[in-house]
Amino acid sequence: MLKKYATLAAVVLMTAVTTSVPPSVASSRTLLPDLRQAPPGCAGGHAGDPLKCVDWDVCLVMDPAAPNGRCVLPAAAKAVRLRFTSSEENVGDGPLLLYGHRDNAAQERMTVRQALRSAADGSIPADYDAAQRLTRTFTYYEPATDHQHWHLMNFEHFALVSQKGETVVTDRKNGFCLGDRFRVADIDKVKGVPGPSGPDTDLAARLRANKCRHHEPAALDVVEGISVGSGDDYKYDVDFQWLDITQVPSGTYDLVNTVNDDRTLAETNYDNNSSSVSLSIEWPDGEPGLHQVLPRAPIVKFLRSCPGRKRCG
């Protein structure tokens, strides 16, 4: 599996400060991406009613610490997970292109620079040294069997939020291997989609095949990114693509997905970086009691979908 899930939930972001020109200045001479967060539970490239998205489920597991785990019957369950697919799309003017680099294999992390496409001649920086923006994120090699490639950290986060605006549960997943995994549904409305030839087309071909240096723990460089008109999705049945709702009381909540939350990546627009779904959780036999006894799974219903909005309640 070539997807992108970190097992290091407590990894701390590097404190390096962006040293390049601000996005507002850079955008006048470079073409920036625009990362759009799709509603939770929708398959990549979904074009219909978000409330009809079916890429989510409620999964009871035996081991609360397992990255994923096989869904089991209530009698054997110790935890309940709300699993859902999430997708991010680039509908901007230029590609999202990130280069990771470290000087030697003794360094566990690679620093990451964002490369910006020139508005003047269409050129795209070819490597880390040529990339214009130092970011606050980094990559590290995830050795887990289902990954074994380099993860970009803190690209997307998700949370369950109460109607009072209080965060109830946060994610444990924060690492990603980015590439072109699908075409956006409204691609005919997106400018800058790679044509039959040119630098953008060459980059798109590279990102479609991107494996983030799979089986290369000694790598010194890695590429991550999404072309204009493409997206990267994370299926609901893979590691850490869930929120633990074992201790969440019955009620109505917002499931919120946010890409580029700290704005370390330069974009043309940050207003569409979050999407949410209002959902209800109901424990038919009461909430779990002592020893995490789960007589039945909670009933979860998606009530309302709010694309492009951080709150839906």
C-alpha atoms as a PDB file:
ATOM      1  CA  MET A   1       0.000   0.000   0.000  1.00  0.00           C
ATOM      2  CA  LEU A   2       1.412   3.330  -1.023  1.00  0.00           C
ATOM      3  CA  LYS A   3      -0.650   5.576   1.199  1.00  0.00           C
ATOM      4  CA  LYS A   4       0.362   7.897   3.862  1.00  0.00           C
ATOM      5  CA  TYR A   5      -0.321   7.505   7.480  1.00  0.00           C
ATOM      6  CA  ALA A   6       1.974   8.379  10.332  1.00  0.00           C
ATOM      7  CA  THR A   7       2.222   6.229  13.408  1.00  0.00           C
ATOM      8  CA  LEU A   8       3.950   9.053  15.262  1.00  0.00           C
ATOM      9  CA  ALA A   9       0.936  10.930  16.594  1.00  0.00           C
ATOM     10  CA  ALA A  10       3.023  13.113  18.891  1.00  0.00           C
ATOM     11  CA  VAL A  11       5.588  14.329  16.351  1.00  0.00           C
ATOM     12  CA  VAL A  12       6.306  18.018  16.910  1.00  0.00           C
ATOM     13  CA  LEU A  13       6.528  20.411  13.995  1.00  0.00           C
ATOM     14  CA  MET A  14       9.874  22.008  13.273  1.00  0.00           C
ATOM     15  CA  THR A  15       9.967  25.630  14.305  1.00  0.00           C
ATOM     16  CA  ALA A  16      11.731  26.899  11.207  1.00  0.00           C
ATOM     17  CA  VAL A  17      10.185  30.143   9.983  1.00  0.00           C
ATOM     18  CA  THR A  18       9.322  30.652   6.342  1.00  0.00           C
ATOM     19  CA  THR A  19      12.086  32.787   4.906  1.00  0.00           C
ATOM     20  CA  SER A  20      10.766  33.487   1.413  1.00  0.00           C
ATOM     21  CA  VAL A  21       8.481  36.235   0.191  1.00  0.00           C
ATOM     22  CA  PRO A  22       4.887  36.202   1.466  1.00  0.00           C
ATOM     23  CA  PRO A  23       2.242  34.465  -0.668  1.00  0.00           C
ATOM     24  CA  SER A  24       0.606  37.813  -1.508  1.00  0.00           C
ATOM     25  CA  VAL A  25       3.851  39.000  -3.081  1.00  0.00           C
ATOM     26  CA  ALA A  26       4.851  35.672  -4.612  1.00  0.00           C
ATOM     27  CA  SER A  27       1.484  35.285  -6.350  1.00  0.00           C
ATOM     28  CA  SER A  28       2.166  38.322  -8.558  1.00  0.00           C
ATOM     29  CA  ARG A  29       4.956  36.480 -10.369  1.00  0.00           C
ATOM     30  CA  THR A  30       4.259  32.817  -9.629  1.00  0.00           C
ATOM     31  CA  LEU A  31       1.270  30.529 -10.106  1.00  0.00           C
ATOM     32  CA  LEU A  32       0.069  29.147  -6.787  1.00  0.00           C
ATOM     33  CA  PRO A  33      -2.019  26.064  -6.017  1.00  0.00           C
ATOM     34  CA  ASP A  34      -5.441  26.222  -4.379  1.00  0.00           C
ATOM     35  CA  LEU A  35      -6.070  23.281  -2.054  1.00  0.00           C
ATOM     36  CA  ARG A  36      -9.752  22.421  -1.746  1.00  0.00           C
ATOM     37  CA  GLN A  37     -10.888  20.083   1.021  1.00  0.00           C
ATOM     38  CA  ALA A  38     -13.641  17.689  -0.102  1.00  0.00           C
ATOM     39  CA  PRO A  39     -16.447  16.767   2.325  1.00  0.00           C
ATOM     40  CA  PRO A  40     -15.603  13.810   4.623  1.00  0.00           C
ATOM     41  CA  GLY A  41     -16.900  10.451   3.494  1.00  0.00           C
ATOM     42  CA  CYS A  42     -16.770  11.177  -0.251  1.00  0.00           C
ATOM     43  CA  ALA A  43     -14.714   9.201  -2.723  1.00  0.00           C
ATOM     44  CA  GLY A  44     -12.055  11.128  -4.617  1.00  0.00           C
ATOM     45  CA  GLY A  45     -13.581  13.110  -7.466  1.00  0.00           C
ATOM     46  CA  HIS A  46     -17.161  12.698  -6.229  1.00  0.00           C
ATOM     47  CA  ALA A  47     -19.439  15.069  -8.162  1.00  0.00           C
ATOM     48  CA  GLY A  48     -22.874  14.460  -6.643  1.00  0.00           C
ATOM     49  CA  ASP A  49     -24.689  15.245  -3.424  1.00  0.00           C
ATOM     50  CA  PRO A  50     -22.161  15.040  -0.548  1.00  0.00           C
ATOM     51  CA  LEU A  51     -24.880  13.521   1.654  1.00  0.00           C
ATOM     52  CA  LYS A  52     -24.963  10.562  -0.727  1.00  0.00           C
ATOM     53  CA  CYS A  53     -21.271   9.823  -0.177  1.00  0.00           C
ATOM     54  CA  VAL A  54     -20.883   6.297   1.173  1.00  0.00           C
ATOM     55  CA  ASP A  55     -17.134   6.051   1.807  1.00  0.00           C
ATOM     56  CA  TRP A  56     -17.481   5.863   5.596  1.00  0.00           C
ATOM     57  CA  ASP A  57     -18.559   3.388   8.246  1.00  0.00           C
ATOM     58  CA  VAL A  58     -18.631   2.592  11.969  1.00  0.00           C
ATOM     59  CA  CYS A  59     -16.053  -0.047  12.846  1.00  0.00           C
ATOM     60  CA  LEU A  60     -15.721  -1.887  16.171  1.00  0.00           C
ATOM     61  CA  VAL A  61     -12.201  -3.132  16.887  1.00  0.00           C
ATOM     62  CA  MET A  62     -10.583  -5.346  19.514  1.00  0.00           C
ATOM     63  CA  ASP A  63      -7.375  -3.338  19.970  1.00  0.00           C
ATOM     64  CA  PRO A  64      -7.855   0.406  20.599  1.00  0.00           C
ATOM     65  CA  ALA A  65      -4.167   1.003  19.818  1.00  0.00           C
ATOM     66  CA  ALA A  66      -4.140  -0.727  16.428  1.00  0.00           C
ATOM     67  CA  PRO A  67      -3.542   1.584  13.424  1.00  0.00           C
ATOM     68  CA  ASN A  68      -6.520   0.007  11.697  1.00  0.00           C
ATOM     69  CA  GLY A  69      -7.682  -3.429  12.781  1.00  0.00           C
ATOM     70  CA  ARG A  70     -10.368  -5.790  11.557  1.00  0.00           C
ATOM     71  CA  CYS A  71     -13.954  -4.820  12.324  1.00  0.00           C
ATOM     72  CA  VAL A  72     -15.479  -7.234  14.861  1.00  0.00           C
ATOM     73  CA  LEU A  73     -18.819  -7.993  16.519  1.00  0.00           C
ATOM     74  CA  PRO A  74     -19.785  -5.985  19.618  1.00  0.00           C
ATOM     75  CA  ALA A  75     -19.108  -8.880  22.010  1.00  0.00           C
ATOM     76  CA  ALA A  76     -15.403  -8.762  21.141  1.00  0.00           C
ATOM     77  CA  ALA A  77     -15.046  -5.004  20.686  1.00  0.00           C
ATOM     78  CA  LYS A  78     -13.075  -2.660  22.918  1.00  0.00           C
ATOM     79  CA  ALA A  79     -13.283   0.513  20.807  1.00  0.00           C
ATOM     80  CA  VAL A  80     -15.451   2.154  18.157  1.00  0.00           C
ATOM     81  CA  ARG A  81     -14.115   4.087  15.196  1.00  0.00           C
ATOM     82  CA  LEU A  82     -15.805   6.398  12.734  1.00  0.00           C
ATOM     83  CA  ARG A  83     -13.896   5.731   9.508  1.00  0.00           C
ATOM     84  CA  PHE A  84     -14.169   8.013   6.467  1.00  0.00           C
ATOM     85  CA  THR A  85     -12.412   8.783   3.205  1.00  0.00           C
ATOM     86  CA  SER A  86     -10.928  12.261   2.848  1.00  0.00           C
ATOM     87  CA  SER A  87      -9.764  13.994  -0.315  1.00  0.00           C
ATOM     88  CA  GLU A  88      -7.824  17.124  -1.162  1.00  0.00           C
ATOM     89  CA  GLU A  89      -7.887  18.710  -4.607  1.00  0.00           C
ATOM     90  CA  ASN A  90      -5.772  21.324  -6.361  1.00  0.00           C
ATOM     91  CA  VAL A  91      -8.005  23.769  -8.245  1.00  0.00           C
ATOM     92  CA  GLY A  92      -5.473  26.603  -8.350  1.00  0.00           C
ATOM     93  CA  ASP A  93      -3.325  28.230 -11.010  1.00  0.00           C
ATOM     94  CA  GLY A  94      -0.200  26.162 -10.457  1.00  0.00           C
ATOM     95  CA  PRO A  95       0.864  22.773  -9.098  1.00  0.00           C
ATOM     96  CA  LEU A  96       1.429  21.960  -5.462  1.00  0.00           C
ATOM     97  CA  LEU A  97       5.040  20.804  -5.615  1.00  0.00           C
ATOM     98  CA  LEU A  98       7.133  20.031  -2.533  1.00  0.00           C
ATOM     99  CA  TYR A  99      10.735  18.878  -2.368  1.00  0.00           C
ATOM    100  CA  GLY A 100      12.111  17.199   0.747  1.00  0.00           C
ATOM    101  CA  HIS A 101      15.856  17.035   1.382  1.00  0.00           C
ATOM    102  CA  ARG A 102      18.384  16.045   4.037  1.00  0.00           C
ATOM    103  CA  ASP A 103      22.165  16.295   3.841  1.00  0.00           C
ATOM    104  CA  ASN A 104      22.886  12.797   5.088  1.00  0.00           C
ATOM    105  CA  ALA A 105      21.186   9.611   6.271  1.00  0.00           C
ATOM    106  CA  ALA A 106      21.958  10.386   9.918  1.00  0.00           C
ATOM    107  CA  GLN A 107      19.251  13.068   9.836  1.00  0.00           C
ATOM    108  CA  GLU A 108      15.866  11.464  10.512  1.00  0.00           C
ATOM    109  CA  ARG A 109      13.861  14.215   8.832  1.00  0.00           C
ATOM    110  CA  MET A 110      13.974  16.063   5.547  1.00  0.00           C
ATOM    111  CA  THR A 111      13.218  19.767   5.445  1.00  0.00           C
ATOM    112  CA  VAL A 112      10.665  20.732   2.789  1.00  0.00           C
ATOM    113  CA  ARG A 113      10.610  23.535   0.250  1.00  0.00           C
ATOM    114  CA  GLN A 114       7.634  24.524  -1.890  1.00  0.00           C
ATOM    115  CA  ALA A 115       8.372  25.023  -5.583  1.00  0.00           C
ATOM    116  CA  LEU A 116       6.301  27.641  -7.431  1.00  0.00           C
ATOM    117  CA  ARG A 117       5.611  27.708 -11.172  1.00  0.00           C
ATOM    118  CA  SER A 118       6.751  30.881 -12.944  1.00  0.00           C
ATOM    119  CA  ALA A 119       3.951  33.036 -14.349  1.00  0.00           C
ATOM    120  CA  ALA A 120       6.371  34.547 -16.850  1.00  0.00           C
ATOM    121  CA  ASP A 121       7.816  31.547 -18.663  1.00  0.00           C
ATOM    122  CA  GLY A 122       5.984  28.563 -17.161  1.00  0.00           C
ATOM    123  CA  SER A 123       9.131  27.058 -15.688  1.00  0.00           C
ATOM    124  CA  ILE A 124       8.900  24.759 -12.670  1.00  0.00           C
ATOM    125  CA  PRO A 125      11.813  24.413 -10.201  1.00  0.00           C
ATOM    126  CA  ALA A 126      13.474  21.057 -10.743  1.00  0.00           C
ATOM    127  CA  ASP A 127      14.801  20.341  -7.257  1.00  0.00           C
ATOM    128  CA  TYR A 128      15.049  21.363  -3.609  1.00  0.00           C
ATOM    129  CA  ASP A 129      17.765  23.984  -4.179  1.00  0.00           C
ATOM    130  CA  ALA A 130      15.703  25.735  -6.859  1.00  0.00           C
ATOM    131  CA  ALA A 131      12.435  25.711  -4.882  1.00  0.00           C
ATOM    132  CA  GLN A 132      11.531  29.182  -3.618  1.00  0.00           C
ATOM    133  CA  ARG A 133       9.840  28.662  -0.231  1.00  0.00           C
ATOM    134  CA  LEU A 134      11.081  26.982   2.924  1.00  0.00           C
ATOM    135  CA  THR A 135       8.101  25.548   4.829  1.00  0.00           C
ATOM    136  CA  ARG A 136       7.539  24.602   8.463  1.00  0.00           C
ATOM    137  CA  THR A 137       6.701  20.996   7.623  1.00  0.00           C
ATOM    138  CA  PHE A 138       9.034  18.028   7.075  1.00  0.00           C
ATOM    139  CA  THR A 139       9.112  14.435   5.879  1.00  0.00           C
ATOM    140  CA  TYR A 140      10.190  11.262   7.643  1.00  0.00           C
ATOM    141  CA  TYR A 141      10.410   7.610   6.607  1.00  0.00           C
ATOM    142  CA  GLU A 142       7.553   5.466   7.925  1.00  0.00           C
ATOM    143  CA  PRO A 143       8.841   1.862   8.301  1.00  0.00           C
ATOM    144  CA  ALA A 144       5.441   0.209   8.909  1.00  0.00           C
ATOM    145  CA  THR A 145       4.758  -2.677   6.532  1.00  0.00           C
ATOM    146  CA  ASP A 146       1.876  -0.939   4.772  1.00  0.00           C
ATOM    147  CA  HIS A 147       3.931   2.179   4.089  1.00  0.00           C
ATOM    148  CA  GLN A 148       7.735   2.058   3.920  1.00  0.00           C
ATOM    149  CA  HIS A 149       8.010   5.412   2.199  1.00  0.00           C
ATOM    150  CA  TRP A 150       8.495   9.074   3.078  1.00  0.00           C
ATOM    151  CA  HIS A 151       5.599  10.918   4.714  1.00  0.00           C
ATOM    152  CA  LEU A 152       4.829  14.622   4.477  1.00  0.00           C
ATOM    153  CA  MET A 153       3.753  15.691   7.945  1.00  0.00           C
ATOM    154  CA  ASN A 154       0.715  17.724   9.027  1.00  0.00           C
ATOM    155  CA  PHE A 155      -0.793  18.175   5.568  1.00  0.00           C
ATOM    156  CA  GLU A 156      -4.359  17.476   6.717  1.00  0.00           C
ATOM    157  CA  HIS A 157      -6.139  17.118  10.045  1.00  0.00           C
ATOM    158  CA  PHE A 158      -9.629  16.114  11.095  1.00  0.00           C
ATOM    159  CA  ALA A 159     -11.670  16.426  14.272  1.00  0.00           C
ATOM    160  CA  LEU A 160     -15.084  15.905  15.823  1.00  0.00           C
ATOM    161  CA  VAL A 161     -16.480  19.186  17.165  1.00  0.00           C
ATOM    162  CA  SER A 162     -19.453  19.723  19.486  1.00  0.00           C
ATOM    163  CA  GLN A 163     -22.279  22.131  18.748  1.00  0.00           C
ATOM    164  CA  LYS A 164     -20.646  24.526  21.235  1.00  0.00           C
ATOM    165  CA  GLY A 165     -17.497  24.571  19.131  1.00  0.00           C
ATOM    166  CA  GLU A 166     -15.455  22.380  21.482  1.00  0.00           C
ATOM    167  CA  THR A 167     -13.118  19.787  19.946  1.00  0.00           C
ATOM    168  CA  VAL A 168     -14.175  16.368  21.222  1.00  0.00           C
ATOM    169  CA  VAL A 169     -11.822  14.031  19.322  1.00  0.00           C
ATOM    170  CA  THR A 170      -8.785  14.723  17.162  1.00  0.00           C
ATOM    171  CA  ASP A 171      -6.984  12.577  14.614  1.00  0.00           C
ATOM    172  CA  ARG A 172      -3.935  10.384  15.115  1.00  0.00           C
ATOM    173  CA  LYS A 173      -2.964  10.534  11.456  1.00  0.00           C
ATOM    174  CA  ASN A 174      -0.747  13.320  10.167  1.00  0.00           C
ATOM    175  CA  GLY A 175       1.581  11.867   7.514  1.00  0.00           C
ATOM    176  CA  PHE A 176       0.939  11.648   3.775  1.00  0.00           C
ATOM    177  CA  CYS A 177       2.435  10.536   0.478  1.00  0.00           C
ATOM    178  CA  LEU A 178       1.001  13.000  -2.038  1.00  0.00           C
ATOM    179  CA  GLY A 179       0.469  12.378  -5.738  1.00  0.00           C
ATOM    180  CA  ASP A 180      -2.118  12.646  -8.507  1.00  0.00           C
ATOM    181  CA  ARG A 181      -4.643   9.921  -7.556  1.00  0.00           C
ATOM    182  CA  PHE A 182      -7.776  11.192  -9.375  1.00  0.00           C
ATOM    183  CA  ARG A 183      -9.131  14.009 -11.563  1.00  0.00           C
ATOM    184  CA  VAL A 184     -11.421  16.602  -9.965  1.00  0.00           C
ATOM    185  CA  ALA A 185     -15.081  16.422 -10.985  1.00  0.00           C
ATOM    186  CA  ASP A 186     -15.241  20.043 -12.208  1.00  0.00           C
ATOM    187  CA  ILE A 187     -12.013  19.909 -14.183  1.00  0.00           C
ATOM    188  CA  ASP A 188     -13.630  21.772 -17.092  1.00  0.00           C
ATOM    189  CA  LYS A 189     -13.883  24.845 -14.826  1.00  0.00           C
ATOM    190  CA  VAL A 190     -10.269  24.703 -13.621  1.00  0.00           C
ATOM    191  CA  LYS A 191      -7.655  26.800 -15.401  1.00  0.00           C
ATOM    192  CA  GLY A 192      -4.078  25.639 -15.768  1.00  0.00           C
ATOM    193  CA  VAL A 193      -4.813  21.917 -16.174  1.00  0.00           C
ATOM    194  CA  PRO A 194      -1.772  20.262 -17.830  1.00  0.00           C
ATOM    195  CA  GLY A 195      -2.130  19.998 -21.603  1.00  0.00           C
ATOM    196  CA  PRO A 196      -0.751  17.424 -24.034  1.00  0.00           C
ATOM    197  CA  SER A 197       2.862  18.516 -23.511  1.00  0.00           C
ATOM    198  CA  GLY A 198       5.073  20.857 -21.532  1.00  0.00           C
ATOM    199  CA  PRO A 199       6.529  21.112 -18.002  1.00  0.00           C
ATOM    200  CA  ASP A 200       3.136  20.744 -16.284  1.00  0.00           C
ATOM    201  CA  THR A 201       2.396  17.569 -18.242  1.00  0.00           C
ATOM    202  CA  ASP A 202       5.771  16.094 -17.386  1.00  0.00           C
ATOM    203  CA  LEU A 203       5.270  16.923 -13.715  1.00  0.00           C
ATOM    204  CA  ALA A 204       1.756  15.419 -13.735  1.00  0.00           C
ATOM    205  CA  ALA A 205       3.120  12.156 -15.139  1.00  0.00           C
ATOM    206  CA  ARG A 206       5.728  12.130 -12.372  1.00  0.00           C
ATOM    207  CA  LEU A 207       3.132  12.768  -9.670  1.00  0.00           C
ATOM    208  CA  ARG A 208       0.759  10.089 -10.992  1.00  0.00           C
ATOM    209  CA  ALA A 209       3.534   7.561 -10.481  1.00  0.00           C
ATOM    210  CA  ASN A 210       4.826   9.087  -7.242  1.00  0.00           C
ATOM    211  CA  LYS A 211       5.617   6.525  -4.543  1.00  0.00           C
ATOM    212  CA  CYS A 212       7.511   8.870  -2.194  1.00  0.00           C
ATOM    213  CA  ARG A 213      10.749   6.851  -2.441  1.00  0.00           C
ATOM    214  CA  HIS A 214       9.083   3.568  -1.538  1.00  0.00           C
ATOM    215  CA  HIS A 215      11.491   1.091   0.112  1.00  0.00           C
ATOM    216  CA  GLU A 216      14.222   3.770   0.140  1.00  0.00           C
ATOM    217  CA  PRO A 217      14.917   4.664   3.783  1.00  0.00           C
ATOM    218  CA  ALA A 218      18.381   5.923   2.820  1.00  0.00           C
ATOM    219  CA  ALA A 219      17.014   8.453   0.315  1.00  0.00           C
ATOM    220  CA  LEU A 220      18.211  12.031   0.670  1.00  0.00           C
ATOM    221  CA  ASP A 221      15.464  13.608  -1.470  1.00  0.00           C
ATOM    222  CA  VAL A 222      11.739  13.061  -2.043  1.00  0.00           C
ATOM    223  CA  VAL A 223       8.955  14.680  -4.084  1.00  0.00           C
ATOM    224  CA  GLU A 224       5.352  15.277  -2.938  1.00  0.00           C
ATOM    225  CA  GLY A 225       2.601  17.129  -4.754  1.00  0.00           C
ATOM    226  CA  ILE A 226      -0.681  17.452  -6.644  1.00  0.00           C
ATOM    227  CA  SER A 227      -1.105  18.816 -10.169  1.00  0.00           C
ATOM    228  CA  VAL A 228      -3.751  21.355 -11.142  1.00  0.00           C
ATOM    229  CA  GLY A 229      -7.044  19.546 -11.710  1.00  0.00           C
ATOM    230  CA  SER A 230      -6.026  16.480  -9.697  1.00  0.00           C
ATOM    231  CA  GLY A 231      -6.499  15.312  -6.127  1.00  0.00           C
ATOM    232  CA  ASP A 232      -5.175  12.895  -3.534  1.00  0.00           C
ATOM    233  CA  ASP A 233      -7.577  10.734  -1.530  1.00  0.00           C
ATOM    234  CA  TYR A 234      -7.182   8.600   1.584  1.00  0.00           C
ATOM    235  CA  LYS A 235      -9.527   5.599   1.750  1.00  0.00           C
ATOM    236  CA  TYR A 236     -11.534   4.981   4.922  1.00  0.00           C
ATOM    237  CA  ASP A 237     -10.160   1.461   5.406  1.00  0.00           C
ATOM    238  CA  VAL A 238      -6.475   2.388   5.751  1.00  0.00           C
ATOM    239  CA  ASP A 239      -4.353   3.174   8.806  1.00  0.00           C
ATOM    240  CA  PHE A 240      -5.452   6.035  11.060  1.00  0.00           C
ATOM    241  CA  GLN A 241      -8.186   7.202   8.668  1.00  0.00           C
ATOM    242  CA  TRP A 242     -10.626   7.382  11.587  1.00  0.00           C
ATOM    243  CA  LEU A 243     -11.678   9.070  14.803  1.00  0.00           C
ATOM    244  CA  ASP A 244     -12.181   7.092  18.019  1.00  0.00           C
ATOM    245  CA  ILE A 245     -15.756   7.732  19.204  1.00  0.00           C
ATOM    246  CA  THR A 246     -15.796   5.145  22.024  1.00  0.00           C
ATOM    247  CA  GLN A 247     -16.252   7.805  24.700  1.00  0.00           C
ATOM    248  CA  VAL A 248     -18.274  10.308  22.670  1.00  0.00           C
ATOM    249  CA  PRO A 249     -21.757  10.835  24.193  1.00  0.00           C
ATOM    250  CA  SER A 250     -24.920  10.678  22.126  1.00  0.00           C
ATOM    251  CA  GLY A 251     -25.533  13.978  20.360  1.00  0.00           C
ATOM    252  CA  THR A 252     -24.953  16.033  17.218  1.00  0.00           C
ATOM    253  CA  TYR A 253     -21.441  16.937  16.093  1.00  0.00           C
ATOM    254  CA  ASP A 254     -19.455  18.352  13.185  1.00  0.00           C
ATOM    255  CA  LEU A 255     -16.893  16.137  11.478  1.00  0.00           C
ATOM    256  CA  VAL A 256     -14.342  18.647  10.169  1.00  0.00           C
ATOM    257  CA  ASN A 257     -11.516  17.982   7.719  1.00  0.00           C
ATOM    258  CA  THR A 258      -8.921  20.704   7.105  1.00  0.00           C
ATOM    259  CA  VAL A 259      -5.980  20.808   4.712  1.00  0.00           C
ATOM    260  CA  ASN A 260      -2.966  23.129   5.211  1.00  0.00           C
ATOM    261  CA  ASP A 261      -4.352  24.253   8.555  1.00  0.00           C
ATOM    262  CA  ASP A 262      -1.271  26.236   9.554  1.00  0.00           C
ATOM    263  CA  ARG A 263      -0.960  27.820   6.085  1.00  0.00           C
ATOM    264  CA  THR A 264       2.661  26.831   5.778  1.00  0.00           C
ATOM    265  CA  LEU A 265       1.968  26.126   2.086  1.00  0.00           C
ATOM    266  CA  ALA A 266       1.347  29.145  -0.143  1.00  0.00           C
ATOM    267  CA  GLU A 267      -2.033  29.116  -1.902  1.00  0.00           C
ATOM    268  CA  THR A 268      -4.202  31.536  -3.867  1.00  0.00           C
ATOM    269  CA  ASN A 269      -7.137  30.897  -1.533  1.00  0.00           C
ATOM    270  CA  TYR A 270      -7.438  29.563   2.010  1.00  0.00           C
ATOM    271  CA  ASP A 271     -11.227  29.896   2.292  1.00  0.00           C
ATOM    272  CA  ASN A 272     -11.926  26.369   1.000  1.00  0.00           C
ATOM    273  CA  ASN A 273      -9.387  24.524   3.156  1.00  0.00           C
ATOM    274  CA  SER A 274     -12.066  23.042   5.436  1.00  0.00           C
ATOM    275  CA  SER A 275     -15.197  21.010   4.785  1.00  0.00           C
ATOM    276  CA  SER A 276     -17.531  19.526   7.360  1.00  0.00           C
ATOM    277  CA  VAL A 277     -20.444  17.172   7.884  1.00  0.00           C
ATOM    278  CA  SER A 278     -23.046  17.437  10.612  1.00  0.00           C
ATOM    279  CA  LEU A 279     -23.733  14.008  12.093  1.00  0.00           C
ATOM    280  CA  SER A 280     -25.585  12.403  14.957  1.00  0.00           C
ATOM    281  CA  ILE A 281     -24.310   9.687  17.303  1.00  0.00           C
ATOM    282  CA  GLU A 282     -26.801   7.603  19.264  1.00  0.00           C
ATOM    283  CA  TRP A 283     -25.961   4.785  21.684  1.00  0.00           C
ATOM    284  CA  PRO A 284     -29.064   2.554  21.617  1.00  0.00           C
ATOM    285  CA  ASP A 285     -28.097   0.706  24.819  1.00  0.00           C
ATOM    286  CA  GLY A 286     -26.440   3.577  26.581  1.00  0.00           C
ATOM    287  CA  GLU A 287     -22.840   4.650  26.353  1.00  0.00           C
ATOM    288  CA  PRO A 288     -20.023   2.176  27.123  1.00  0.00           C
ATOM    289  CA  GLY A 289     -19.738   1.254  30.769  1.00  0.00           C
ATOM    290  CA  LEU A 290     -16.980  -0.252  32.860  1.00  0.00           C
ATOM    291  CA  HIS A 291     -14.250  -2.170  31.035  1.00  0.00           C
ATOM    292  CA  GLN A 292     -15.361  -0.660  27.714  1.00  0.00           C
ATOM    293  CA  VAL A 293     -18.300  -3.040  27.397  1.00  0.00           C
ATOM    294  CA  LEU A 294     -19.937  -2.388  24.012  1.00  0.00           C
ATOM    295  CA  PRO A 295     -23.278  -4.192  23.791  1.00  0.00           C
ATOM    296  CA  ARG A 296     -23.995  -2.563  20.438  1.00  0.00           C
ATOM    297  CA  ALA A 297     -22.316  -0.091  18.113  1.00  0.00           C
ATOM    298  CA  PRO A 298     -23.610   3.487  18.144  1.00  0.00           C
ATOM    299  CA  ILE A 299     -25.918   4.556  15.330  1.00  0.00           C
ATOM    300  CA  VAL A 300     -24.247   7.280  13.239  1.00  0.00           C
ATOM    301  CA  LYS A 301     -26.162   9.341  10.683  1.00  0.00           C
ATOM    302  CA  PHE A 302     -24.811  12.031   8.357  1.00  0.00           C
ATOM    303  CA  LEU A 303     -27.347  14.875   8.587  1.00  0.00           C
ATOM    304  CA  ARG A 304     -25.971  17.721   6.501  1.00  0.00           C
ATOM    305  CA  SER A 305     -22.866  18.320   4.379  1.00  0.00           C
ATOM    306  CA  CYS A 306     -21.105  21.680   4.237  1.00  0.00           C
ATOM    307  CA  PRO A 307     -18.404  21.795   1.509  1.00  0.00           C
ATOM    308  CA  GLY A 308     -15.953  24.633   2.051  1.00  0.00           C
ATOM    309  CA  ARG A 309     -17.156  25.348   5.583  1.00  0.00           C
ATOM    310  CA  LYS A 310     -15.439  24.637   8.896  1.00  0.00           C
ATOM    311  CA  ARG A 311     -18.724  24.461  10.815  1.00  0.00           C
ATOM    312  CA  CYS A 312     -21.914  22.741   9.739  1.00  0.00           C
ATOM    313  CA  GLY A 313     -23.992  22.507  12.913  1.00  0.00           C
END
